[in-house]
């Protein structure tokens, strides 16, 4: 049986898609282009209105590319709007991710029931930096986001299972493991018998110890990267691990800002002020001077004024981000932000989101080679350099590409 996996959306989706692919490989399937596949899995995204459009386009594209394959639609968009995808074609099946994983293990679609080997996303066709999902779901409810509806309440993976996966990957020669989650910083595992709680920093310490000797002579042990954490989850114990792990935990954090204006942050329902965010960053740089920080910023949130956007520019300068993912606000039906009133009552009319993106990009480039210099100074010392200062959908469009 031949298969193709089409992935859209976040890093967690990427990790889940790799898990589907490696499980299919282990059960005797062969990866191929969508046109030649017997089974096409589309892992969908619904974080914004634009993401939903791309998801529908991807499913239609899979159906056009192959007139005989079964098309499995899974992921966040499928969880929110199952009917839309079922109505596209009789070959479409909508499945939850757990159901899809169980079906593969059970030998559906002509797969071998007995696995041929471990289902590890390692080797040809997979990335050298391997993700492990340790958390899912979100208990927050940002006004522009619907992911907490699609993914449900926050859950954490048993640390023993995380250790098992990471030991297997390290033994297979993986050099870097990325811990991922929808709200990774909220990782909490409570042991039923003892009531002992394991947080993200505790998990990292355990992983460092459990994988310390799983490498060839003359090579470095596997290192770990924390994919993204919310500002409220940057606690002293996590900072301590970053500062003392000797580079085995990458000296990098992705810390979403979204806006540098406290009023806009309240309207987004983000649980911090601009001043609190700056204080967190100052503490991080003090404790981990070589830290590389990246962030997300939304331009053109409904009602954002020129002055409020200038606050975001100021905070971005102060925080000295080595990479900024900038997104023009994309209306997502079903979220409170989609129904916010217009800006006619504002004293200062907001600029278009794309224009603000361009100005933020210009400010970032005006820093010159600072970001690249910070990255170069860390190379060879176990940290994780970033050679790119700014990314986002508008940048892709200006370069003649697309952010798919």
Protein backbone atom coordinates (compact mmCIF):
# COMPACT_ATOMS: atom_id res chain seq x y z
CA UNK A 1 0.00 0.00 0.00
CA UNK A 2 1.24 3.47 -0.91
CA UNK A 3 0.48 6.62 1.06
CA UNK A 4 1.00 10.38 1.11
CA UNK A 5 0.69 12.76 4.07
CA UNK A 6 -0.23 16.42 3.56
CA UNK A 7 0.52 18.57 6.60
CA UNK A 8 -0.78 22.05 7.36
CA UNK A 9 -0.38 24.25 10.41
CA UNK A 10 1.69 24.23 13.55
CA UNK A 11 4.72 22.28 14.78
CA UNK A 12 2.46 19.94 16.74
CA UNK A 13 0.68 19.03 13.49
CA UNK A 14 4.07 18.36 11.92
CA UNK A 15 5.01 16.00 14.75
CA UNK A 16 1.65 14.22 14.49
CA UNK A 17 1.98 13.89 10.71
CA UNK A 18 5.45 12.39 11.10
CA UNK A 19 4.02 9.94 13.63
CA UNK A 20 1.33 8.84 11.15
CA UNK A 21 3.94 8.42 8.42
CA UNK A 22 6.37 6.44 10.58
CA UNK A 23 3.54 4.18 11.78
CA UNK A 24 2.45 3.55 8.20
CA UNK A 25 6.06 2.76 7.30
CA UNK A 26 6.28 0.30 10.19
CA UNK A 27 3.14 -1.48 8.98
CA UNK A 28 4.49 -2.05 5.48
CA UNK A 29 3.28 1.02 3.58
CA UNK A 30 5.47 3.03 1.20
CA UNK A 31 5.58 6.82 0.94
CA UNK A 32 4.92 8.36 -2.48
CA UNK A 33 3.43 11.38 -4.23
CA UNK A 34 -0.28 12.00 -3.80
CA UNK A 35 -0.96 11.10 -7.45
CA UNK A 36 0.26 7.53 -6.89
CA UNK A 37 -1.11 6.97 -3.39
CA UNK A 38 -3.77 4.54 -2.24
CA UNK A 39 -4.25 6.56 0.94
CA UNK A 40 -3.83 10.32 1.40
CA UNK A 41 -3.85 11.78 4.93
CA UNK A 42 -4.52 15.52 5.21
CA UNK A 43 -3.70 16.89 8.66
CA UNK A 44 -5.62 20.15 8.86
CA UNK A 45 -5.34 23.54 10.57
CA UNK A 46 -8.05 25.97 11.64
CA UNK A 47 -6.18 28.62 13.62
CA UNK A 48 -7.27 31.47 11.27
CA UNK A 49 -9.71 32.06 8.46
CA UNK A 50 -6.83 31.93 6.00
CA UNK A 51 -5.68 28.59 7.44
CA UNK A 52 -9.16 27.16 6.90
CA UNK A 53 -9.09 28.26 3.25
CA UNK A 54 -5.74 26.54 2.75
CA UNK A 55 -7.08 23.41 4.41
CA UNK A 56 -10.10 23.17 2.10
CA UNK A 57 -7.83 23.83 -0.88
CA UNK A 58 -5.46 21.05 0.24
CA UNK A 59 -8.28 18.49 0.50
CA UNK A 60 -9.66 19.45 -2.92
CA UNK A 61 -6.13 19.27 -4.32
CA UNK A 62 -5.69 15.75 -2.96
CA UNK A 63 -8.97 14.67 -4.55
CA UNK A 64 -7.97 16.19 -7.92
CA UNK A 65 -4.47 14.70 -7.82
CA UNK A 66 -5.79 11.17 -7.45
CA UNK A 67 -9.22 9.90 -8.51
CA UNK A 68 -9.04 6.58 -6.65
CA UNK A 69 -7.31 7.17 -3.30
CA UNK A 70 -9.09 7.26 0.03
CA UNK A 71 -8.58 10.73 1.54
CA UNK A 72 -8.44 10.85 5.34
CA UNK A 73 -9.07 14.30 6.76
CA UNK A 74 -7.93 14.75 10.36
CA UNK A 75 -6.79 17.56 12.63
CA UNK A 76 -8.27 20.77 13.99
CA UNK A 77 -10.35 21.87 10.99
CA UNK A 78 -11.88 18.40 10.72
CA UNK A 79 -12.80 18.52 14.40
CA UNK A 80 -14.54 21.89 14.00
CA UNK A 81 -16.35 21.36 10.68
CA UNK A 82 -16.61 17.67 9.80
CA UNK A 83 -19.55 18.15 7.42
CA UNK A 84 -17.74 20.48 5.04
CA UNK A 85 -15.13 17.84 4.24
CA UNK A 86 -17.54 14.91 4.05
CA UNK A 87 -19.58 16.85 1.50
CA UNK A 88 -16.59 17.24 -0.83
CA UNK A 89 -16.47 13.63 -2.09
CA UNK A 90 -17.56 10.12 -1.15
CA UNK A 91 -13.88 9.15 -0.91
CA UNK A 92 -13.34 11.50 2.02
CA UNK A 93 -13.31 10.10 5.53
CA UNK A 94 -13.02 12.35 8.58
CA UNK A 95 -11.18 10.73 11.49
CA UNK A 96 -9.85 11.90 14.82
CA UNK A 97 -6.13 11.45 15.31
CA UNK A 98 -6.48 8.70 17.91
CA UNK A 99 -8.90 6.83 15.63
CA UNK A 100 -6.51 7.15 12.70
CA UNK A 101 -3.56 5.86 14.75
CA UNK A 102 -5.62 2.90 15.99
CA UNK A 103 -6.79 2.07 12.46
CA UNK A 104 -3.19 1.95 11.23
CA UNK A 105 -2.21 -0.37 14.08
CA UNK A 106 -5.24 -2.58 13.35
CA UNK A 107 -4.20 -3.10 9.72
CA UNK A 108 -6.82 -0.98 7.96
CA UNK A 109 -6.46 -0.23 4.20
CA UNK A 110 -4.57 -3.46 3.61
CA UNK A 111 -1.75 -2.70 6.02
CA UNK A 112 0.16 -5.45 7.77
CA UNK A 113 -1.20 -5.93 11.27
CA UNK A 114 2.20 -6.84 12.68
CA UNK A 115 4.63 -3.94 12.68
CA UNK A 116 7.89 -4.54 10.78
CA UNK A 117 9.89 -2.45 13.22
CA UNK A 118 9.71 0.51 15.59
CA UNK A 119 7.63 3.45 14.37
CA UNK A 120 10.34 6.10 14.55
CA UNK A 121 10.33 9.23 12.36
CA UNK A 122 14.00 8.78 11.53
CA UNK A 123 15.88 8.39 8.26
CA UNK A 124 15.10 9.26 4.66
CA UNK A 125 12.06 11.48 4.29
CA UNK A 126 12.14 12.75 7.89
CA UNK A 127 13.74 15.76 9.48
CA UNK A 128 17.00 15.46 11.39
CA UNK A 129 15.46 17.52 14.22
CA UNK A 130 12.72 15.24 15.60
CA UNK A 131 9.67 16.42 17.53
CA UNK A 132 8.05 14.61 20.45
CA UNK A 133 4.56 15.69 21.51
CA UNK A 134 4.37 15.85 25.30
CA UNK A 135 1.26 18.00 25.70
CA UNK A 136 -2.01 18.71 23.88
CA UNK A 137 -4.98 21.03 24.26
CA UNK A 138 -5.25 24.48 25.81
CA UNK A 139 -7.11 25.98 28.79
CA UNK A 140 -6.68 29.53 27.50
CA UNK A 141 -9.23 31.27 25.30
CA UNK A 142 -7.52 34.03 23.31
CA UNK A 143 -10.20 36.00 21.50
CA UNK A 144 -8.69 35.46 18.03
CA UNK A 145 -8.16 31.69 18.44
CA UNK A 146 -10.38 28.60 18.13
CA UNK A 147 -7.74 25.95 18.73
CA UNK A 148 -8.83 25.43 22.35
CA UNK A 149 -12.21 24.34 20.96
CA UNK A 150 -10.69 21.98 18.39
CA UNK A 151 -8.07 20.48 20.70
CA UNK A 152 -9.97 20.50 24.00
CA UNK A 153 -8.64 20.90 27.52
CA UNK A 154 -4.93 20.72 28.26
CA UNK A 155 -3.53 17.23 28.77
CA UNK A 156 0.00 15.95 29.38
CA UNK A 157 1.79 12.76 28.36
CA UNK A 158 3.06 10.42 31.08
CA UNK A 159 6.75 11.33 31.58
CA UNK A 160 7.66 7.63 31.42
CA UNK A 161 6.26 7.48 27.88
CA UNK A 162 8.16 10.65 26.94
CA UNK A 163 11.37 9.11 28.29
CA UNK A 164 10.72 5.90 26.34
CA UNK A 165 10.27 7.82 23.07
CA UNK A 166 13.29 10.05 23.62
CA UNK A 167 15.56 7.16 24.58
CA UNK A 168 14.51 5.31 21.43
CA UNK A 169 15.23 8.37 19.29
CA UNK A 170 18.59 9.04 20.95
CA UNK A 171 19.56 5.37 20.50
CA UNK A 172 18.64 5.68 16.81
CA UNK A 173 21.15 8.51 16.42
CA UNK A 174 18.89 11.58 16.62
CA UNK A 175 20.95 14.63 17.60
CA UNK A 176 18.16 17.04 18.58
CA UNK A 177 14.70 16.39 20.03
CA UNK A 178 12.09 19.15 20.11
CA UNK A 179 9.49 18.95 22.87
CA UNK A 180 6.20 20.19 21.45
CA UNK A 181 2.70 20.92 22.65
CA UNK A 182 -0.22 23.21 21.97
CA UNK A 183 0.48 24.93 25.30
CA UNK A 184 3.78 23.29 26.18
CA UNK A 185 4.51 25.37 29.27
CA UNK A 186 1.37 24.04 30.94
CA UNK A 187 2.84 20.51 31.01
CA UNK A 188 1.85 18.92 34.34
CA UNK A 189 1.74 15.23 35.18
CA UNK A 190 0.37 14.17 38.55
CA UNK A 191 1.25 10.66 39.67
CA UNK A 192 -1.89 8.99 40.92
CA UNK A 193 -0.45 6.98 43.81
CA UNK A 194 1.93 9.55 45.24
CA UNK A 195 0.43 12.81 44.01
CA UNK A 196 3.91 13.87 42.87
CA UNK A 197 3.78 16.49 40.11
CA UNK A 198 6.16 16.66 37.15
CA UNK A 199 6.42 20.02 35.37
CA UNK A 200 8.25 20.93 32.17
CA UNK A 201 11.54 21.71 33.93
CA UNK A 202 11.36 18.41 35.85
CA UNK A 203 10.73 16.57 32.60
CA UNK A 204 13.75 18.19 30.96
CA UNK A 205 16.01 17.24 33.86
CA UNK A 206 14.83 13.63 33.66
CA UNK A 207 15.38 13.51 29.91
CA UNK A 208 18.89 14.92 30.23
CA UNK A 209 19.78 12.22 32.74
CA UNK A 210 18.09 9.35 30.88
CA UNK A 211 19.79 10.13 27.55
CA UNK A 212 23.22 11.24 28.78
CA UNK A 213 24.98 8.04 27.70
CA UNK A 214 23.00 7.20 24.54
CA UNK A 215 25.55 8.38 21.98
CA UNK A 216 28.55 7.05 20.15
CA UNK A 217 32.05 7.59 21.43
CA UNK A 218 33.36 10.98 20.37
CA UNK A 219 29.87 12.37 19.74
CA UNK A 220 27.81 14.73 21.86
CA UNK A 221 24.71 13.50 23.68
CA UNK A 222 21.33 14.33 22.20
CA UNK A 223 20.14 17.83 22.99
CA UNK A 224 16.61 19.10 23.59
CA UNK A 225 14.75 22.15 22.38
CA UNK A 226 11.67 23.72 23.96
CA UNK A 227 9.43 24.64 21.03
CA UNK A 228 7.22 27.43 22.44
CA UNK A 229 6.09 28.58 25.86
CA UNK A 230 3.61 31.19 26.98
CA UNK A 231 5.00 34.09 29.06
CA UNK A 232 3.00 32.99 32.13
CA UNK A 233 4.84 29.63 32.08
CA UNK A 234 8.40 30.99 32.18
CA UNK A 235 9.19 30.04 35.77
CA UNK A 236 12.51 30.13 37.60
CA UNK A 237 12.99 26.36 37.39
CA UNK A 238 12.72 26.43 33.59
CA UNK A 239 15.18 29.33 33.38
CA UNK A 240 17.55 27.41 35.66
CA UNK A 241 17.53 24.42 33.32
CA UNK A 242 18.28 26.64 30.33
CA UNK A 243 21.13 28.29 32.22
CA UNK A 244 22.78 25.16 33.62
CA UNK A 245 22.28 22.40 31.04
CA UNK A 246 25.54 23.20 29.24
CA UNK A 247 23.81 23.60 25.88
CA UNK A 248 21.99 20.25 26.03
CA UNK A 249 18.81 22.29 26.37
CA UNK A 250 19.03 24.80 23.54
CA UNK A 251 19.42 28.36 24.73
CA UNK A 252 16.40 29.42 22.76
CA UNK A 253 12.78 30.15 23.63
CA UNK A 254 9.88 31.04 21.42
CA UNK A 255 7.90 33.49 23.56
CA UNK A 256 4.72 34.79 21.84
CA UNK A 257 4.20 38.53 22.34
CA UNK A 258 1.25 39.12 19.92
CA UNK A 259 1.05 42.83 20.87
CA UNK A 260 3.19 45.28 22.80
CA UNK A 261 0.21 47.30 24.01
CA UNK A 262 -1.44 46.26 27.28
CA UNK A 263 -4.93 47.33 26.21
CA UNK A 264 -4.74 45.29 23.02
CA UNK A 265 -3.41 42.34 25.03
CA UNK A 266 -6.45 42.57 27.32
CA UNK A 267 -8.73 42.64 24.28
CA UNK A 268 -6.92 39.55 22.98
CA UNK A 269 -7.45 37.97 26.42
CA UNK A 270 -3.72 37.45 26.82
CA UNK A 271 -2.85 36.98 30.53
CA UNK A 272 0.00 39.49 30.81
CA UNK A 273 0.72 43.16 30.24
CA UNK A 274 3.39 44.60 27.98
CA UNK A 275 5.35 45.65 31.05
CA UNK A 276 5.19 42.14 32.50
CA UNK A 277 6.42 40.67 29.22
CA UNK A 278 9.39 43.04 29.15
CA UNK A 279 10.23 42.11 32.75
CA UNK A 280 10.19 38.40 31.87
CA UNK A 281 12.53 39.02 28.94
CA UNK A 282 14.89 41.13 31.05
CA UNK A 283 15.08 38.34 33.64
CA UNK A 284 15.76 35.76 30.92
CA UNK A 285 18.62 37.77 29.44
CA UNK A 286 20.09 38.36 32.89
CA UNK A 287 20.03 34.66 33.77
CA UNK A 288 20.90 33.33 30.29
CA UNK A 289 22.94 36.04 28.51
CA UNK A 290 23.38 33.96 25.33
CA UNK A 291 19.65 33.30 25.00
CA UNK A 292 18.02 33.60 21.59
CA UNK A 293 14.40 34.75 21.72
CA UNK A 294 11.84 34.50 18.92
CA UNK A 295 8.23 35.63 19.01
CA UNK A 296 4.86 35.97 17.26
CA UNK A 297 3.22 39.34 16.57
CA UNK A 298 -0.26 39.96 15.15
CA UNK A 299 -0.58 43.16 13.11
CA UNK A 300 -3.96 44.82 12.62
CA UNK A 301 -5.94 43.21 15.46
CA UNK A 302 -9.48 44.72 15.27
CA UNK A 303 -9.43 48.16 16.83
CA UNK A 304 -5.66 48.47 17.07
CA UNK A 305 -4.67 52.12 16.66
CA UNK A 306 -1.51 53.65 15.28
CA UNK A 307 -0.28 54.50 18.76
CA UNK A 308 -0.93 50.98 20.00
CA UNK A 309 1.02 49.55 17.10
CA UNK A 310 3.91 51.90 17.90
CA UNK A 311 3.96 50.34 21.38
CA UNK A 312 4.49 46.96 19.74
CA UNK A 313 7.42 48.33 17.75
CA UNK A 314 8.95 49.72 20.92
CA UNK A 315 8.63 46.43 22.82
CA UNK A 316 10.08 44.52 19.85
CA UNK A 317 13.12 46.80 19.92
CA UNK A 318 13.51 46.45 23.68
CA UNK A 319 13.30 42.64 23.64
CA UNK A 320 15.91 42.24 20.87
CA UNK A 321 14.24 39.24 19.25
CA UNK A 322 16.45 37.23 16.93
CA UNK A 323 13.41 36.16 14.89
CA UNK A 324 9.90 37.55 14.62
CA UNK A 325 6.98 35.71 13.04
CA UNK A 326 4.62 38.48 11.96
CA UNK A 327 1.05 37.74 10.94
CA UNK A 328 -1.60 40.14 9.64
CA UNK A 329 -4.79 39.55 11.61
CA UNK A 330 -6.97 36.96 9.89
CA UNK A 331 -10.63 36.86 10.88
CA UNK A 332 -11.68 33.48 12.25
CA UNK A 333 -15.42 32.93 12.50
CA UNK A 334 -16.48 31.50 15.83
CA UNK A 335 -14.07 33.65 17.84
CA UNK A 336 -14.94 36.76 19.90
CA UNK A 337 -12.49 38.88 17.89
CA UNK A 338 -14.43 38.18 14.68
CA UNK A 339 -17.37 40.12 16.09
CA UNK A 340 -15.50 43.08 17.52
CA UNK A 341 -16.95 46.44 16.48
CA UNK A 342 -15.28 48.52 13.79
CA UNK A 343 -12.67 51.17 14.47
CA UNK A 344 -14.70 54.21 13.45
CA UNK A 345 -14.93 55.40 17.05
CA UNK A 346 -11.17 55.31 17.49
CA UNK A 347 -9.40 58.64 17.48
CA UNK A 348 -6.63 57.23 15.33
CA UNK A 349 -7.56 55.14 12.32
CA UNK A 350 -5.45 51.97 12.13
CA UNK A 351 -3.20 51.26 9.18
CA UNK A 352 -3.84 48.11 7.11
CA UNK A 353 -2.29 45.00 8.60
CA UNK A 354 0.02 44.48 5.63
CA UNK A 355 1.34 48.02 5.92
CA UNK A 356 2.09 47.51 9.58
CA UNK A 357 3.84 44.27 8.79
CA UNK A 358 6.06 46.12 6.32
CA UNK A 359 6.95 48.77 8.85
CA UNK A 360 7.79 46.19 11.50
CA UNK A 361 9.97 44.37 8.97
CA UNK A 362 11.75 47.63 8.13
CA UNK A 363 12.40 48.35 11.81
CA UNK A 364 13.77 44.85 12.30
CA UNK A 365 16.09 45.10 9.28
CA UNK A 366 17.28 48.50 10.44
CA UNK A 367 18.95 46.70 13.33
CA UNK A 368 21.51 45.58 10.77
CA UNK A 369 23.41 42.35 11.42
CA UNK A 370 22.78 42.35 15.19
CA UNK A 371 20.57 39.24 15.17
CA UNK A 372 22.95 37.35 12.93
CA UNK A 373 25.92 38.42 15.05
CA UNK A 374 24.24 37.16 18.24
CA UNK A 375 23.61 33.84 16.50
CA UNK A 376 27.14 33.48 15.16
CA UNK A 377 28.62 34.20 18.59
CA UNK A 378 26.79 31.16 19.98
CA UNK A 379 27.79 28.62 17.34
CA UNK A 380 29.85 25.72 18.54
CA UNK A 381 28.78 26.13 22.15
CA UNK A 382 25.71 23.92 22.22
CA UNK A 383 23.15 26.66 21.73
CA UNK A 384 20.81 27.10 18.79
CA UNK A 385 21.54 29.99 16.41
CA UNK A 386 18.91 31.58 14.24
CA UNK A 387 20.12 33.00 10.97
CA UNK A 388 16.85 34.61 9.97
CA UNK A 389 15.52 37.78 11.54
CA UNK A 390 11.95 37.88 10.38
CA UNK A 391 9.41 35.59 8.79
CA UNK A 392 5.74 35.88 8.00
CA UNK A 393 3.12 35.47 5.29
CA UNK A 394 3.66 38.94 3.81
CA UNK A 395 7.40 38.40 3.52
CA UNK A 396 6.74 35.23 1.56
CA UNK A 397 4.40 37.07 -0.79
CA UNK A 398 6.92 39.81 -1.46
CA UNK A 399 9.51 37.16 -2.32
CA UNK A 400 7.11 35.65 -4.84
CA UNK A 401 6.43 32.59 -2.70
CA UNK A 402 3.53 31.40 -0.63
CA UNK A 403 3.23 30.49 3.01
CA UNK A 404 1.71 27.03 2.63
